[in-house]
Amino acid sequence: MTMPYAIDAIDHVVLRVRDLERAVAFYVDVVGCHIARRRDDLGMVHLRAGSSMIDLVHTAGRLGLRGGAAPDPGARDVDHVCLRIAPFDEAALIAHLAAHGVAPEGPAESNYGARGDGDSLRFADPEGNVVELKGRR
């Protein structure tokens, strides 16, 4: 069957979080996202991640309550989110993360993704969601 459309890219990923402001600070200060819009009425913050978005939804907010109770601290709603970055300088990335008290899994390993193989580092956000930063090979 031929599809009437073609998938271009990931538009956005929505993560449910227990501490919205802590998560926002992490994705802005550590990951490098930028706040695009706040929707306090919904308990949501839209973050710009390159040409994509990461939406953070407070589990106690209007939207977050639709998903039920927050997962236990050792559980996750999503396995991981992978963000393409350039350049991929492993030493600089590890130093940046360490300055924020974040220890990535490492050393970097090659992973396959939407644009082929590339080195990547993984680390957890304050809610236990795993973020992968991946460069070009």
N, C-alpha and C. Protein backbone atom coordinates (compact mmCIF):
# COMPACT_ATOMS: atom_id res chain seq x y z
N MET A 1 0.83 -1.17 0.00
CA MET A 1 0.00 0.00 0.00
C MET A 1 0.88 1.25 0.00
N THR A 2 0.58 2.17 -0.84
CA THR A 2 1.32 3.43 -0.90
C THR A 2 0.70 4.43 0.06
N MET A 3 1.55 5.04 0.84
CA MET A 3 1.06 6.04 1.80
C MET A 3 0.79 7.35 1.07
N PRO A 4 -0.21 8.10 1.50
CA PRO A 4 -0.52 9.39 0.87
C PRO A 4 0.38 10.51 1.38
N TYR A 5 1.40 10.16 2.13
CA TYR A 5 2.32 11.15 2.68
C TYR A 5 3.65 10.48 2.94
N ALA A 6 4.66 11.29 3.22
CA ALA A 6 5.99 10.79 3.59
C ALA A 6 6.38 11.42 4.92
N ILE A 7 6.93 10.62 5.80
CA ILE A 7 7.38 11.16 7.08
C ILE A 7 8.66 11.94 6.84
N ASP A 8 8.69 13.16 7.35
CA ASP A 8 9.84 14.04 7.15
C ASP A 8 10.78 14.01 8.35
N ALA A 9 10.27 14.11 9.57
CA ALA A 9 11.11 14.17 10.75
C ALA A 9 10.24 14.03 11.99
N ILE A 10 10.86 13.87 13.13
CA ILE A 10 10.11 13.91 14.38
C ILE A 10 9.73 15.37 14.64
N ASP A 11 8.45 15.62 14.86
CA ASP A 11 7.98 16.97 15.14
C ASP A 11 8.18 17.30 16.61
N HIS A 12 7.68 16.43 17.49
CA HIS A 12 7.86 16.66 18.91
C HIS A 12 7.73 15.36 19.69
N VAL A 13 8.28 15.38 20.88
CA VAL A 13 8.18 14.30 21.85
C VAL A 13 7.61 14.92 23.11
N VAL A 14 6.67 14.23 23.76
CA VAL A 14 6.08 14.74 24.98
C VAL A 14 6.51 13.85 26.14
N LEU A 15 7.11 14.47 27.14
CA LEU A 15 7.53 13.76 28.34
C LEU A 15 6.70 14.24 29.52
N ARG A 16 6.15 13.31 30.27
CA ARG A 16 5.42 13.63 31.50
C ARG A 16 6.44 13.68 32.63
N VAL A 17 6.42 14.75 33.41
CA VAL A 17 7.41 14.94 34.47
C VAL A 17 6.73 15.31 35.79
N ARG A 18 7.34 14.90 36.90
CA ARG A 18 6.81 15.21 38.23
C ARG A 18 7.20 16.61 38.69
N ASP A 19 8.36 17.11 38.28
CA ASP A 19 8.84 18.43 38.70
C ASP A 19 9.13 19.24 37.44
N LEU A 20 8.13 20.00 37.00
CA LEU A 20 8.21 20.70 35.72
C LEU A 20 9.36 21.70 35.68
N GLU A 21 9.50 22.53 36.70
CA GLU A 21 10.54 23.56 36.65
C GLU A 21 11.95 22.96 36.67
N ARG A 22 12.13 21.90 37.42
CA ARG A 22 13.43 21.22 37.43
C ARG A 22 13.73 20.63 36.06
N ALA A 23 12.72 20.04 35.44
CA ALA A 23 12.91 19.45 34.10
C ALA A 23 13.21 20.54 33.07
N VAL A 24 12.49 21.66 33.14
CA VAL A 24 12.74 22.76 32.21
C VAL A 24 14.18 23.25 32.36
N ALA A 25 14.62 23.47 33.59
CA ALA A 25 15.98 23.94 33.83
C ALA A 25 17.00 22.95 33.26
N PHE A 26 16.76 21.66 33.44
CA PHE A 26 17.67 20.65 32.93
C PHE A 26 17.76 20.70 31.41
N TYR A 27 16.61 20.71 30.73
CA TYR A 27 16.62 20.70 29.27
C TYR A 27 17.16 21.99 28.68
N VAL A 28 17.03 23.10 29.39
CA VAL A 28 17.59 24.38 28.91
C VAL A 28 19.08 24.45 29.23
N ASP A 29 19.46 24.25 30.49
CA ASP A 29 20.84 24.46 30.92
C ASP A 29 21.79 23.34 30.53
N VAL A 30 21.32 22.11 30.56
CA VAL A 30 22.19 20.97 30.30
C VAL A 30 22.11 20.50 28.85
N VAL A 31 20.90 20.33 28.35
CA VAL A 31 20.73 19.78 27.00
C VAL A 31 20.90 20.86 25.94
N GLY A 32 20.51 22.09 26.23
CA GLY A 32 20.66 23.17 25.26
C GLY A 32 19.40 23.55 24.52
N CYS A 33 18.25 23.11 25.01
CA CYS A 33 16.97 23.50 24.40
C CYS A 33 16.65 24.95 24.79
N HIS A 34 15.65 25.51 24.12
CA HIS A 34 15.19 26.86 24.41
C HIS A 34 13.68 26.83 24.61
N ILE A 35 13.21 27.62 25.56
CA ILE A 35 11.76 27.69 25.79
C ILE A 35 11.11 28.39 24.61
N ALA A 36 10.17 27.70 23.96
CA ALA A 36 9.45 28.29 22.84
C ALA A 36 8.12 28.87 23.31
N ARG A 37 7.47 28.19 24.24
CA ARG A 37 6.17 28.65 24.73
C ARG A 37 5.85 27.96 26.05
N ARG A 38 5.23 28.68 26.94
CA ARG A 38 4.72 28.11 28.20
C ARG A 38 3.20 28.07 28.11
N ARG A 39 2.62 26.99 28.59
CA ARG A 39 1.15 26.88 28.67
C ARG A 39 0.81 26.50 30.10
N ASP A 40 0.90 27.47 30.99
CA ASP A 40 0.67 27.22 32.40
C ASP A 40 -0.73 26.67 32.67
N ASP A 41 -1.70 27.06 31.82
CA ASP A 41 -3.06 26.56 31.99
C ASP A 41 -3.15 25.05 31.77
N LEU A 42 -2.20 24.51 31.01
CA LEU A 42 -2.16 23.07 30.74
C LEU A 42 -1.09 22.35 31.56
N GLY A 43 -0.19 23.11 32.19
CA GLY A 43 0.93 22.49 32.88
C GLY A 43 1.96 21.99 31.89
N MET A 44 2.22 22.79 30.83
CA MET A 44 3.08 22.36 29.73
C MET A 44 4.08 23.45 29.34
N VAL A 45 5.29 23.01 29.00
CA VAL A 45 6.30 23.91 28.45
C VAL A 45 6.81 23.29 27.16
N HIS A 46 6.78 24.06 26.07
CA HIS A 46 7.30 23.62 24.78
C HIS A 46 8.75 24.08 24.68
N LEU A 47 9.64 23.16 24.41
CA LEU A 47 11.06 23.47 24.27
C LEU A 47 11.51 23.24 22.84
N ARG A 48 12.24 24.17 22.30
CA ARG A 48 12.79 24.04 20.95
C ARG A 48 14.05 23.20 21.04
N ALA A 49 14.12 22.14 20.25
CA ALA A 49 15.29 21.26 20.16
C ALA A 49 15.67 21.19 18.69
N GLY A 50 16.43 22.19 18.23
CA GLY A 50 16.74 22.26 16.80
C GLY A 50 15.46 22.51 16.03
N SER A 51 15.18 21.68 15.03
CA SER A 51 13.96 21.84 14.25
C SER A 51 12.80 21.05 14.85
N SER A 52 13.01 20.43 15.99
CA SER A 52 11.97 19.65 16.66
C SER A 52 11.63 20.29 18.00
N MET A 53 10.67 19.68 18.68
CA MET A 53 10.25 20.18 19.99
C MET A 53 10.25 19.04 21.00
N ILE A 54 10.56 19.39 22.24
CA ILE A 54 10.34 18.51 23.38
C ILE A 54 9.33 19.23 24.26
N ASP A 55 8.19 18.61 24.47
CA ASP A 55 7.18 19.19 25.33
C ASP A 55 7.24 18.50 26.68
N LEU A 56 7.30 19.29 27.74
CA LEU A 56 7.30 18.76 29.09
C LEU A 56 5.93 19.03 29.69
N VAL A 57 5.30 17.98 30.19
CA VAL A 57 3.96 18.09 30.76
C VAL A 57 4.02 17.65 32.22
N HIS A 58 3.58 18.52 33.10
CA HIS A 58 3.56 18.21 34.53
C HIS A 58 2.50 17.15 34.78
N THR A 59 2.87 16.08 35.50
CA THR A 59 1.94 14.97 35.74
C THR A 59 0.72 15.41 36.54
N ALA A 60 0.83 16.52 37.30
CA ALA A 60 -0.30 17.01 38.07
C ALA A 60 -1.07 18.11 37.35
N GLY A 61 -0.65 18.46 36.13
CA GLY A 61 -1.32 19.49 35.35
C GLY A 61 -2.52 18.93 34.58
N ARG A 62 -3.23 19.82 33.92
CA ARG A 62 -4.44 19.44 33.18
C ARG A 62 -4.19 18.34 32.16
N LEU A 63 -3.12 18.47 31.38
CA LEU A 63 -2.79 17.42 30.40
C LEU A 63 -2.18 16.20 31.05
N GLY A 64 -1.30 16.43 32.01
CA GLY A 64 -0.60 15.32 32.65
C GLY A 64 -1.51 14.36 33.37
N LEU A 65 -2.59 14.87 33.94
CA LEU A 65 -3.53 14.02 34.66
C LEU A 65 -4.19 13.00 33.74
N ARG A 66 -4.28 13.31 32.45
CA ARG A 66 -4.88 12.37 31.49
C ARG A 66 -4.08 11.07 31.38
N GLY A 67 -2.79 11.14 31.69
CA GLY A 67 -1.92 9.97 31.58
C GLY A 67 -1.88 9.10 32.82
N GLY A 68 -2.68 9.46 33.81
CA GLY A 68 -2.69 8.68 35.04
C GLY A 68 -1.57 9.11 35.97
N ALA A 69 -1.34 8.28 36.97
CA ALA A 69 -0.31 8.59 37.97
C ALA A 69 1.07 8.63 37.33
N ALA A 70 1.94 9.43 37.92
CA ALA A 70 3.33 9.48 37.46
C ALA A 70 3.98 8.12 37.72
N PRO A 71 4.90 7.70 36.85
CA PRO A 71 5.58 6.44 37.09
C PRO A 71 6.43 6.52 38.36
N ASP A 72 6.67 5.39 38.97
CA ASP A 72 7.56 5.35 40.12
C ASP A 72 8.91 5.93 39.70
N PRO A 73 9.68 6.45 40.65
CA PRO A 73 10.98 7.05 40.30
C PRO A 73 11.89 6.12 39.50
N GLY A 74 11.79 4.82 39.66
CA GLY A 74 12.62 3.90 38.89
C GLY A 74 12.04 3.49 37.56
N ALA A 75 10.85 4.00 37.21
CA ALA A 75 10.18 3.64 35.95
C ALA A 75 10.15 4.83 35.01
N ARG A 76 10.00 4.55 33.72
CA ARG A 76 9.94 5.63 32.72
C ARG A 76 8.76 5.40 31.79
N ASP A 77 8.23 6.50 31.24
CA ASP A 77 7.20 6.42 30.22
C ASP A 77 7.82 6.20 28.84
N VAL A 78 9.05 6.66 28.65
CA VAL A 78 9.73 6.62 27.36
C VAL A 78 11.12 6.02 27.58
N ASP A 79 11.60 5.20 26.64
CA ASP A 79 12.94 4.63 26.80
C ASP A 79 14.01 5.72 26.70
N HIS A 80 14.03 6.46 25.58
CA HIS A 80 14.96 7.58 25.46
C HIS A 80 14.58 8.48 24.29
N VAL A 81 15.13 9.68 24.32
CA VAL A 81 14.97 10.64 23.24
C VAL A 81 16.37 10.91 22.71
N CYS A 82 16.54 10.83 21.40
CA CYS A 82 17.84 11.06 20.78
C CYS A 82 17.82 12.38 20.03
N LEU A 83 18.80 13.23 20.34
CA LEU A 83 18.94 14.52 19.67
C LEU A 83 20.24 14.54 18.88
N ARG A 84 20.14 14.89 17.60
CA ARG A 84 21.33 15.04 16.77
C ARG A 84 22.02 16.34 17.14
N ILE A 85 23.34 16.29 17.30
CA ILE A 85 24.09 17.49 17.64
C ILE A 85 25.31 17.60 16.73
N ALA A 86 25.83 18.81 16.62
CA ALA A 86 27.06 19.05 15.87
C ALA A 86 27.73 20.26 16.49
N PRO A 87 29.00 20.21 16.75
CA PRO A 87 29.87 19.06 16.57
C PRO A 87 29.73 18.09 17.75
N PHE A 88 30.25 16.89 17.58
CA PHE A 88 30.26 15.92 18.66
C PHE A 88 31.69 15.86 19.18
N ASP A 89 31.95 16.59 20.25
CA ASP A 89 33.27 16.64 20.89
C ASP A 89 33.09 15.97 22.25
N GLU A 90 33.46 14.69 22.33
CA GLU A 90 33.19 13.90 23.52
C GLU A 90 33.73 14.56 24.79
N ALA A 91 34.96 15.02 24.76
CA ALA A 91 35.57 15.62 25.96
C ALA A 91 34.80 16.87 26.39
N ALA A 92 34.44 17.71 25.44
CA ALA A 92 33.71 18.94 25.76
C ALA A 92 32.32 18.61 26.29
N LEU A 93 31.66 17.61 25.71
CA LEU A 93 30.34 17.20 26.18
C LEU A 93 30.40 16.68 27.61
N ILE A 94 31.38 15.81 27.89
CA ILE A 94 31.50 15.25 29.23
C ILE A 94 31.80 16.35 30.25
N ALA A 95 32.64 17.30 29.88
CA ALA A 95 32.95 18.42 30.79
C ALA A 95 31.71 19.27 31.05
N HIS A 96 30.93 19.55 30.00
CA HIS A 96 29.71 20.34 30.14
C HIS A 96 28.72 19.62 31.06
N LEU A 97 28.51 18.34 30.82
CA LEU A 97 27.57 17.57 31.64
C LEU A 97 28.05 17.50 33.10
N ALA A 98 29.35 17.27 33.29
CA ALA A 98 29.90 17.20 34.65
C ALA A 98 29.69 18.51 35.40
N ALA A 99 29.80 19.63 34.70
CA ALA A 99 29.59 20.93 35.33
C ALA A 99 28.17 21.07 35.87
N HIS A 100 27.26 20.25 35.35
CA HIS A 100 25.86 20.26 35.79
C HIS A 100 25.54 19.04 36.65
N GLY A 101 26.58 18.33 37.09
CA GLY A 101 26.38 17.17 37.95
C GLY A 101 25.81 15.96 37.24
N VAL A 102 26.01 15.89 35.93
CA VAL A 102 25.46 14.78 35.13
C VAL A 102 26.61 13.91 34.64
N ALA A 103 26.49 12.61 34.87
CA ALA A 103 27.50 11.65 34.42
C ALA A 103 26.90 10.80 33.31
N PRO A 104 27.37 10.98 32.07
CA PRO A 104 26.83 10.17 30.99
C PRO A 104 27.37 8.75 31.02
N GLU A 105 26.61 7.84 30.39
CA GLU A 105 27.17 6.52 30.14
C GLU A 105 28.28 6.75 29.14
N GLY A 106 29.33 6.04 29.26
CA GLY A 106 30.40 6.28 28.31
C GLY A 106 31.53 5.31 28.52
N PRO A 107 32.48 5.35 27.65
CA PRO A 107 32.70 6.37 26.63
C PRO A 107 31.65 6.30 25.52
N ALA A 108 31.73 7.29 24.63
CA ALA A 108 30.79 7.36 23.52
C ALA A 108 30.83 6.07 22.72
N GLU A 109 29.67 5.69 22.20
CA GLU A 109 29.61 4.52 21.34
C GLU A 109 28.88 4.88 20.06
N SER A 110 29.12 4.11 19.03
CA SER A 110 28.47 4.36 17.75
C SER A 110 27.08 3.74 17.77
N ASN A 111 26.09 4.53 17.40
CA ASN A 111 24.71 4.07 17.32
C ASN A 111 24.13 4.42 15.97
N TYR A 112 23.21 3.60 15.53
CA TYR A 112 22.52 3.83 14.27
C TYR A 112 21.24 4.60 14.53
N GLY A 113 20.93 5.54 13.66
CA GLY A 113 19.71 6.33 13.80
C GLY A 113 19.22 6.78 12.44
N ALA A 114 18.35 7.77 12.45
CA ALA A 114 17.69 8.24 11.24
C ALA A 114 18.66 8.69 10.16
N ARG A 115 19.82 9.19 10.56
CA ARG A 115 20.80 9.67 9.57
C ARG A 115 22.09 8.86 9.61
N GLY A 116 21.95 7.57 9.93
CA GLY A 116 23.10 6.68 9.90
C GLY A 116 23.79 6.56 11.24
N ASP A 117 25.01 6.05 11.19
CA ASP A 117 25.79 5.83 12.41
C ASP A 117 26.37 7.14 12.93
N GLY A 118 26.59 7.19 14.21
CA GLY A 118 27.22 8.34 14.82
C GLY A 118 27.52 8.06 16.28
N ASP A 119 28.54 8.72 16.79
CA ASP A 119 28.89 8.56 18.19
C ASP A 119 27.83 9.23 19.06
N SER A 120 27.60 8.64 20.22
CA SER A 120 26.59 9.21 21.11
C SER A 120 26.93 8.97 22.57
N LEU A 121 26.38 9.82 23.40
CA LEU A 121 26.45 9.70 24.85
C LEU A 121 25.01 9.72 25.38
N ARG A 122 24.76 8.95 26.43
CA ARG A 122 23.44 8.90 27.05
C ARG A 122 23.55 9.29 28.52
N PHE A 123 22.48 9.93 29.01
CA PHE A 123 22.40 10.31 30.41
C PHE A 123 20.93 10.49 30.77
N ALA A 124 20.64 10.46 32.05
CA ALA A 124 19.27 10.60 32.52
C ALA A 124 18.96 12.03 32.91
N ASP A 125 17.73 12.46 32.63
CA ASP A 125 17.26 13.75 33.10
C ASP A 125 16.81 13.59 34.56
N PRO A 126 16.40 14.67 35.22
CA PRO A 126 16.02 14.55 36.63
C PRO A 126 14.84 13.61 36.88
N GLU A 127 14.05 13.31 35.85
CA GLU A 127 12.90 12.43 36.02
C GLU A 127 13.23 10.98 35.68
N GLY A 128 14.46 10.70 35.26
CA GLY A 128 14.86 9.34 34.89
C GLY A 128 14.71 9.04 33.42
N ASN A 129 14.21 10.00 32.61
CA ASN A 129 14.14 9.80 31.17
C ASN A 129 15.56 9.87 30.61
N VAL A 130 15.86 9.02 29.66
CA VAL A 130 17.21 8.98 29.09
C VAL A 130 17.27 9.87 27.85
N VAL A 131 18.29 10.71 27.80
CA VAL A 131 18.57 11.59 26.67
C VAL A 131 19.83 11.08 26.00
N GLU A 132 19.81 10.95 24.69
CA GLU A 132 20.99 10.56 23.91
C GLU A 132 21.36 11.74 23.03
N LEU A 133 22.62 12.18 23.11
CA LEU A 133 23.14 13.21 22.22
C LEU A 133 24.00 12.49 21.19
N LYS A 134 23.65 12.65 19.91
CA LYS A 134 24.29 11.88 18.84
C LYS A 134 24.84 12.80 17.77
N GLY A 135 26.09 12.54 17.39
CA GLY A 135 26.72 13.32 16.34
C GLY A 135 26.77 12.54 15.04
N ARG A 136 27.30 13.22 14.03
CA ARG A 136 27.46 12.57 12.72
C ARG A 136 28.74 11.78 12.72
N ARG A 137 28.77 10.72 11.96
CA ARG A 137 29.97 9.91 11.86
C ARG A 137 30.78 10.40 10.68
